[in-house]
Amino acid sequence: MQPQRGSAPEAPSLKPDEIHLWWVRLDPGPQTVERHLGLLDAGEQDRAGRFRFERHRTRYIVSHGALRELLGRYLGVTPNDVRFEFGERDKPHLSREHRSDLHFNLTHSRHRAIIGLRKEGQLGVDLEQVRPMRDLLSLAESVFSPPELQELQAADAERRPDTFFVFWTRKEALLKATGEGIATDLKQVDVLPRNKASEHFETVRGRDGISVATLRPRAGWVAAVAIAGPESRLLNFDFDG
């Protein structure tokens, strides 16, 4: 699916049957980076300072600053007033003091990020830039289910990287939505479609109540959104911060 971009609302309203996906560039100018750094709390700033390479530091600052800014818009508070708590496997969620049913998930790959938001149930998002990998098939043998591996091996050599990252992003998004984490045996997580759930989402094998959508934001990139619970429609926005 090619995401349809909408205008970015200043005070967005998220309906129960919607998922909002915000697409963020992580390579802005230095003034924007400094502004985002000022939105982070002390712990986030400390973590940012521990990155060895400047590009990784910048991507962390901008992605987490954008997350705070967006959550602030939805909650009606300043970005600095957004408070997090951490659950199992250190997964962040909004502090109970916000009294909000808003769920969120953040993913980034190189100089791009996606921030997903939803009210009705958990969600997971993942993004990857499609690229050649010398050890692609051997890696796939360790993380893909037999049906997935069979489909990858059947693909033309030119298409294999794309097929690999379609499966990989779907797995990552699913594990984020269910809270299982990457330590799960990935070969037991089959993301091949079982049947169509809605316009964009497909249910996956062996996972009752979980559906996944594959997105192609632009040439050379692939993303996935996984949800637990009721059907939802996707709305896409470009982050303007």
Foldseek 3Di string as FASTA:
>chain_A
DAADADADDQQDDADQQAKEKAKEFQDDDPVLLVVLLVLDDPVLVVVLVPDPDPQVSSSSSRQVSLVLPVVCSHLVHHSNPFDWDADPVRDIDTDCVSVAQKEWEKEDERGMIMIMIHRHAFKFKYKYFQDDDPCLLVVCVQQAAVVLSVVLVPDDPVCNSVSSVQFVQQLRGQCRRVVVDPVPRNNVVFADFDADDDDFWGDTPPDPQKIKGWYDNDPRMIMMMMGGDDHHDYHYYYDDD
